[in-house]
N, C-alpha and C. Protein backbone atom coordinates (compact mmCIF):
# COMPACT_ATOMS: atom_id res chain seq x y z
N MET A 1 -24.93 -0.75 -15.11
CA MET A 1 -23.65 -0.13 -15.30
C MET A 1 -23.38 0.63 -14.20
N ALA A 2 -22.05 0.32 -13.58
CA ALA A 2 -21.44 1.12 -12.26
C ALA A 2 -21.44 2.56 -12.73
N THR A 3 -21.66 3.37 -11.60
CA THR A 3 -21.55 4.82 -11.73
C THR A 3 -20.53 5.37 -10.88
N TYR A 4 -19.76 6.41 -11.43
CA TYR A 4 -18.69 6.92 -10.89
C TYR A 4 -19.10 7.52 -9.48
N HIS A 5 -18.15 7.37 -8.40
CA HIS A 5 -18.59 7.75 -6.99
C HIS A 5 -17.32 8.70 -6.58
N ALA A 6 -17.36 9.87 -6.25
CA ALA A 6 -16.25 10.60 -5.79
C ALA A 6 -15.93 10.12 -4.42
N ILE A 7 -14.50 9.83 -4.02
CA ILE A 7 -14.28 9.45 -2.65
C ILE A 7 -13.45 10.63 -1.97
N ALA A 8 -13.81 10.85 -0.75
CA ALA A 8 -13.14 11.90 -0.09
C ALA A 8 -12.05 11.33 0.79
N LEU A 9 -10.92 12.04 0.99
CA LEU A 9 -9.70 11.62 1.61
C LEU A 9 -10.16 10.99 2.94
N THR A 10 -11.07 11.73 3.66
CA THR A 10 -11.63 11.01 5.02
C THR A 10 -12.01 9.86 5.02
N GLU A 11 -12.66 9.26 3.79
CA GLU A 11 -13.20 8.01 3.73
C GLU A 11 -12.03 6.98 3.63
N PHE A 12 -10.92 7.22 2.86
CA PHE A 12 -9.84 6.34 2.67
C PHE A 12 -9.22 6.31 4.27
N ARG A 13 -9.07 7.37 4.90
CA ARG A 13 -8.61 7.34 6.25
C ARG A 13 -9.25 6.51 7.12
N THR A 14 -10.48 6.33 6.92
CA THR A 14 -11.54 5.52 7.77
C THR A 14 -11.16 3.95 7.41
N VAL A 15 -11.08 3.64 6.19
CA VAL A 15 -10.97 2.37 5.52
C VAL A 15 -9.47 1.93 5.93
N LEU A 16 -8.46 2.90 5.80
CA LEU A 16 -7.01 2.42 5.83
C LEU A 16 -6.50 2.96 7.21
N HIS A 17 -7.19 2.93 8.29
CA HIS A 17 -6.91 3.77 9.48
C HIS A 17 -5.65 3.25 10.29
N LYS A 18 -5.03 2.18 9.88
CA LYS A 18 -3.70 1.73 10.56
C LYS A 18 -2.62 1.79 9.60
N TRP A 19 -2.88 2.41 8.35
CA TRP A 19 -1.82 2.59 7.41
C TRP A 19 -1.22 4.06 7.57
N VAL A 20 0.00 4.04 7.05
CA VAL A 20 0.66 5.27 7.09
C VAL A 20 0.19 6.19 5.83
N GLU A 21 -0.22 7.29 5.89
CA GLU A 21 -0.42 8.21 4.90
C GLU A 21 0.75 9.13 4.48
N THR A 22 0.96 9.00 3.02
CA THR A 22 2.02 9.68 2.42
C THR A 22 1.66 10.32 1.16
N VAL A 23 2.63 10.92 0.64
CA VAL A 23 2.36 11.65 -0.74
C VAL A 23 3.54 10.75 -1.78
N ASP A 24 3.04 10.18 -2.89
CA ASP A 24 3.82 9.64 -3.71
C ASP A 24 3.45 9.84 -5.08
N ARG A 25 4.29 10.22 -5.98
CA ARG A 25 3.92 10.56 -7.38
C ARG A 25 2.88 11.48 -7.48
N GLY A 26 3.09 12.46 -6.48
CA GLY A 26 2.00 13.56 -6.62
C GLY A 26 0.63 13.26 -6.21
N GLU A 27 0.34 12.24 -5.65
CA GLU A 27 -1.04 11.78 -4.83
C GLU A 27 -0.80 11.34 -3.63
N VAL A 28 -1.96 11.43 -2.89
CA VAL A 28 -1.96 10.81 -1.48
C VAL A 28 -2.04 9.26 -1.72
N ALA A 29 -1.05 8.60 -0.85
CA ALA A 29 -1.13 7.25 -0.89
C ALA A 29 -0.96 6.65 0.60
N PHE A 30 -1.19 5.55 0.74
CA PHE A 30 -1.21 4.86 1.99
C PHE A 30 -0.37 3.50 1.78
N THR A 31 0.58 3.27 3.09
CA THR A 31 1.43 2.35 3.02
C THR A 31 1.42 1.56 4.24
N TRP A 32 1.72 0.21 4.14
CA TRP A 32 1.59 -0.76 5.18
C TRP A 32 2.77 -1.77 4.96
N ALA A 33 3.59 -1.99 5.88
CA ALA A 33 4.86 -2.86 5.75
C ALA A 33 4.24 -4.25 6.42
N LEU A 34 4.56 -5.37 5.66
CA LEU A 34 4.18 -6.87 6.26
C LEU A 34 5.06 -6.86 7.52
N PRO A 35 4.26 -7.20 8.76
CA PRO A 35 5.06 -7.35 9.93
C PRO A 35 6.23 -8.16 10.10
N SER A 36 6.30 -9.39 9.33
CA SER A 36 7.46 -10.13 9.39
C SER A 36 8.42 -9.88 8.38
N PHE A 37 8.17 -9.09 7.45
CA PHE A 37 9.04 -8.64 6.20
C PHE A 37 8.78 -7.20 6.04
N PRO A 38 9.26 -6.41 6.93
CA PRO A 38 9.07 -4.94 6.74
C PRO A 38 9.74 -4.33 5.64
N HIS A 39 10.48 -5.03 4.74
CA HIS A 39 10.94 -4.43 3.51
C HIS A 39 9.91 -4.71 2.43
N ILE A 40 8.96 -5.33 2.63
CA ILE A 40 7.86 -5.47 1.65
C ILE A 40 6.57 -4.67 2.10
N VAL A 41 6.42 -3.48 1.29
CA VAL A 41 5.42 -2.53 1.60
C VAL A 41 4.16 -2.54 0.69
N LEU A 42 2.92 -2.76 1.26
CA LEU A 42 1.84 -2.58 0.35
C LEU A 42 1.53 -1.06 0.31
N LYS A 43 0.93 -0.71 -0.92
CA LYS A 43 0.70 0.58 -1.25
C LYS A 43 -0.56 0.89 -1.90
N VAL A 44 -1.28 1.89 -1.42
CA VAL A 44 -2.66 2.15 -2.05
C VAL A 44 -2.63 3.47 -2.62
N TYR A 45 -2.64 3.69 -3.87
CA TYR A 45 -2.81 5.09 -4.56
C TYR A 45 -4.05 5.48 -4.83
N THR A 46 -4.56 6.50 -4.03
CA THR A 46 -5.76 7.02 -3.80
C THR A 46 -6.44 7.58 -5.12
N SER A 47 -5.69 8.28 -6.00
CA SER A 47 -6.14 9.14 -7.22
C SER A 47 -6.52 10.35 -6.59
N ILE A 48 -6.14 10.74 -5.36
CA ILE A 48 -6.25 12.17 -4.89
C ILE A 48 -5.03 12.73 -5.01
N PRO A 49 -5.10 13.89 -5.81
CA PRO A 49 -3.96 14.72 -5.88
C PRO A 49 -3.30 15.36 -4.51
N HIS A 50 -2.09 15.47 -4.43
CA HIS A 50 -1.57 16.18 -3.21
C HIS A 50 -2.06 17.50 -3.06
N GLY A 51 -2.64 17.72 -1.80
CA GLY A 51 -3.20 19.13 -1.59
C GLY A 51 -4.74 19.08 -1.82
N GLU A 52 -5.36 18.09 -2.30
CA GLU A 52 -6.74 18.04 -2.60
C GLU A 52 -7.36 17.01 -1.63
N THR A 53 -8.79 17.15 -1.43
CA THR A 53 -9.36 16.26 -0.50
C THR A 53 -10.43 15.34 -1.11
N VAL A 54 -10.52 15.20 -2.48
CA VAL A 54 -11.43 14.30 -3.06
C VAL A 54 -10.82 13.92 -4.50
N THR A 55 -11.33 12.60 -4.74
CA THR A 55 -10.56 11.87 -5.98
C THR A 55 -10.70 12.81 -7.09
N ARG A 56 -9.81 12.29 -8.14
CA ARG A 56 -9.93 13.05 -9.47
C ARG A 56 -11.46 12.80 -10.06
N GLU A 57 -11.55 13.46 -11.28
CA GLU A 57 -12.97 13.45 -11.91
C GLU A 57 -13.06 12.04 -12.49
N VAL A 58 -14.11 11.70 -12.96
CA VAL A 58 -14.35 10.48 -13.63
C VAL A 58 -13.58 10.31 -14.70
N GLY A 59 -13.02 9.14 -14.94
CA GLY A 59 -12.23 8.62 -16.10
C GLY A 59 -10.79 9.19 -15.96
N ALA A 60 -10.39 9.86 -14.90
CA ALA A 60 -9.06 10.42 -14.87
C ALA A 60 -8.16 9.36 -14.55
N ASP A 61 -8.38 8.45 -13.59
CA ASP A 61 -7.71 6.98 -13.27
C ASP A 61 -8.38 6.43 -12.34
N ALA A 62 -7.73 5.33 -11.71
CA ALA A 62 -8.43 4.58 -10.70
C ALA A 62 -7.49 4.48 -9.40
N ILE A 63 -8.10 3.92 -8.34
CA ILE A 63 -7.32 3.55 -7.09
C ILE A 63 -6.46 2.31 -7.52
N ARG A 64 -5.12 2.27 -7.16
CA ARG A 64 -4.20 1.41 -7.48
C ARG A 64 -3.72 0.66 -6.14
N VAL A 65 -3.57 -0.79 -6.18
CA VAL A 65 -3.16 -1.35 -5.05
C VAL A 65 -1.91 -2.11 -5.55
N CYS A 66 -0.58 -2.26 -4.88
CA CYS A 66 0.63 -2.79 -5.17
C CYS A 66 1.42 -3.26 -3.81
N ALA A 67 2.43 -3.80 -4.12
CA ALA A 67 3.45 -4.07 -3.02
C ALA A 67 4.91 -3.63 -3.70
N VAL A 68 5.60 -3.06 -2.83
CA VAL A 68 7.07 -2.90 -3.44
C VAL A 68 8.03 -3.51 -2.52
N ASP A 69 9.21 -3.82 -2.79
CA ASP A 69 10.38 -4.30 -2.22
C ASP A 69 11.30 -3.18 -2.10
N THR A 70 11.28 -2.57 -0.79
CA THR A 70 12.12 -1.35 -0.45
C THR A 70 13.58 -1.68 -0.33
N LYS A 71 13.80 -2.96 0.02
CA LYS A 71 15.38 -3.35 -0.05
C LYS A 71 16.13 -3.26 -1.56
N ALA A 72 15.14 -3.77 -2.52
CA ALA A 72 15.65 -3.91 -3.96
C ALA A 72 15.25 -2.74 -4.59
N ASN A 73 14.36 -1.80 -3.96
CA ASN A 73 13.87 -0.79 -4.63
C ASN A 73 13.13 -1.13 -5.96
N ARG A 74 12.31 -2.02 -5.89
CA ARG A 74 11.59 -2.31 -7.14
C ARG A 74 10.16 -2.95 -6.72
N GLY A 75 9.17 -2.86 -7.80
CA GLY A 75 7.90 -3.49 -7.65
C GLY A 75 7.90 -4.98 -7.22
N TRP A 76 6.99 -5.40 -6.47
CA TRP A 76 6.80 -6.75 -5.89
C TRP A 76 5.44 -7.29 -6.51
N ILE A 77 4.33 -6.71 -6.38
CA ILE A 77 3.17 -7.34 -6.77
C ILE A 77 2.42 -6.29 -7.19
N LYS A 78 1.68 -6.51 -8.35
CA LYS A 78 0.75 -5.56 -8.96
C LYS A 78 -0.55 -6.22 -8.90
N ALA A 79 -1.57 -5.34 -8.59
CA ALA A 79 -3.11 -5.74 -8.46
C ALA A 79 -3.83 -4.86 -9.61
N ALA A 80 -5.13 -5.59 -9.84
CA ALA A 80 -6.01 -4.89 -10.77
C ALA A 80 -6.52 -3.60 -10.16
N ARG A 81 -6.95 -2.62 -10.80
CA ARG A 81 -7.24 -1.35 -10.14
C ARG A 81 -8.47 -1.58 -9.41
N VAL A 82 -8.82 -0.50 -8.67
CA VAL A 82 -10.21 -0.57 -8.07
C VAL A 82 -10.95 0.57 -8.64
N HIS A 83 -12.02 0.52 -9.25
CA HIS A 83 -12.90 1.45 -9.86
C HIS A 83 -13.52 2.28 -8.80
N ARG A 84 -13.72 3.40 -8.96
CA ARG A 84 -14.47 4.41 -7.99
C ARG A 84 -15.76 4.26 -8.11
N VAL A 85 -16.54 3.48 -7.60
CA VAL A 85 -17.86 3.24 -7.74
C VAL A 85 -18.33 2.89 -6.47
N LYS A 86 -19.72 2.64 -6.24
CA LYS A 86 -20.44 2.48 -5.07
C LYS A 86 -19.86 1.52 -4.11
N GLY A 87 -19.24 0.19 -4.57
CA GLY A 87 -18.76 -0.78 -3.76
C GLY A 87 -17.16 -0.66 -3.57
N TRP A 88 -16.76 0.32 -3.76
CA TRP A 88 -15.16 0.49 -3.78
C TRP A 88 -14.63 0.08 -2.54
N ARG A 89 -15.19 0.12 -1.42
CA ARG A 89 -14.64 -0.07 -0.12
C ARG A 89 -14.27 -1.62 -0.10
N ASP A 90 -15.50 -2.43 -0.24
CA ASP A 90 -15.23 -3.83 -0.47
C ASP A 90 -14.22 -4.32 -1.60
N ASN A 91 -14.19 -3.67 -2.77
CA ASN A 91 -13.30 -3.87 -3.79
C ASN A 91 -11.92 -3.52 -3.38
N LEU A 92 -11.52 -2.57 -2.58
CA LEU A 92 -10.36 -2.05 -2.13
C LEU A 92 -9.84 -3.25 -1.12
N LYS A 93 -10.71 -3.67 -0.21
CA LYS A 93 -10.45 -4.45 0.78
C LYS A 93 -9.84 -5.98 0.01
N THR A 94 -10.71 -6.25 -0.87
CA THR A 94 -10.36 -7.51 -1.71
C THR A 94 -9.20 -7.46 -2.21
N ARG A 95 -8.63 -6.33 -3.15
CA ARG A 95 -7.45 -6.01 -3.67
C ARG A 95 -6.14 -6.07 -2.67
N VAL A 96 -6.51 -5.34 -1.58
CA VAL A 96 -5.42 -5.33 -0.54
C VAL A 96 -5.17 -6.72 -0.04
N GLN A 97 -6.27 -7.55 0.25
CA GLN A 97 -5.99 -8.83 0.88
C GLN A 97 -5.12 -9.74 -0.36
N ALA A 98 -5.55 -9.62 -1.57
CA ALA A 98 -5.04 -10.44 -2.68
C ALA A 98 -3.56 -10.05 -2.71
N VAL A 99 -3.19 -8.89 -2.69
CA VAL A 99 -1.64 -8.39 -2.80
C VAL A 99 -1.06 -8.81 -1.53
N ARG A 100 -1.65 -8.84 -0.47
CA ARG A 100 -0.94 -9.27 0.71
C ARG A 100 -0.79 -10.73 0.78
N GLU A 101 -1.65 -11.46 0.53
CA GLU A 101 -1.65 -12.89 0.26
C GLU A 101 -0.59 -13.27 -0.94
N ALA A 102 -0.55 -12.62 -1.96
CA ALA A 102 0.52 -12.82 -3.03
C ALA A 102 1.82 -12.72 -2.45
N SER A 103 1.98 -11.69 -1.79
CA SER A 103 3.16 -11.23 -1.25
C SER A 103 3.77 -12.36 -0.20
N TYR A 104 3.01 -12.80 0.57
CA TYR A 104 3.40 -13.84 1.62
C TYR A 104 3.72 -15.06 0.73
N GLU A 105 2.79 -15.53 -0.18
CA GLU A 105 3.24 -16.75 -1.03
C GLU A 105 4.56 -16.54 -1.71
N ARG A 106 4.74 -15.30 -2.47
CA ARG A 106 6.05 -15.14 -2.97
C ARG A 106 7.32 -15.38 -2.14
N LEU A 107 7.01 -14.96 -0.79
CA LEU A 107 8.03 -15.02 0.13
C LEU A 107 8.09 -16.48 0.68
N GLY A 108 7.23 -17.33 0.24
CA GLY A 108 7.32 -18.71 0.82
C GLY A 108 6.93 -18.72 2.30
N ALA A 109 6.12 -17.81 2.66
CA ALA A 109 5.71 -17.60 4.03
C ALA A 109 4.07 -17.82 4.14
N THR A 110 3.71 -18.10 5.52
CA THR A 110 2.23 -18.24 5.72
C THR A 110 1.75 -16.71 6.06
N VAL A 111 0.59 -16.72 5.56
CA VAL A 111 -0.01 -15.29 5.73
C VAL A 111 -0.49 -15.27 7.18
N LYS A 112 0.01 -13.95 7.55
CA LYS A 112 -0.28 -13.70 9.12
C LYS A 112 -1.58 -13.15 9.32
N ALA A 113 -2.27 -13.31 10.22
CA ALA A 113 -3.72 -12.92 10.52
C ALA A 113 -3.59 -11.45 10.78
């Protein structure tokens, strides 16, 4: 069985170092716009409350990855949550890649490297 792992904000900053750090819905989030389609923005909700430096307690919630269409102001792609366990970094990268690929596919475009 997987064991809960508290994640520090500095760890997210290391993994998502090219992303823009924001506050969204009361928690720290990271955003990244698709280069060829800047109105499609990938978001990672960290489960770190604004003003805090570590994720919420076990069972409170999970890391979430999604994409939004800022032009239409609506959700674009939703992904499964990322559990806060030992392998969270790899799981997060996998979810981000899946949302990125699904976004390009929905746009009818080729995934950019």
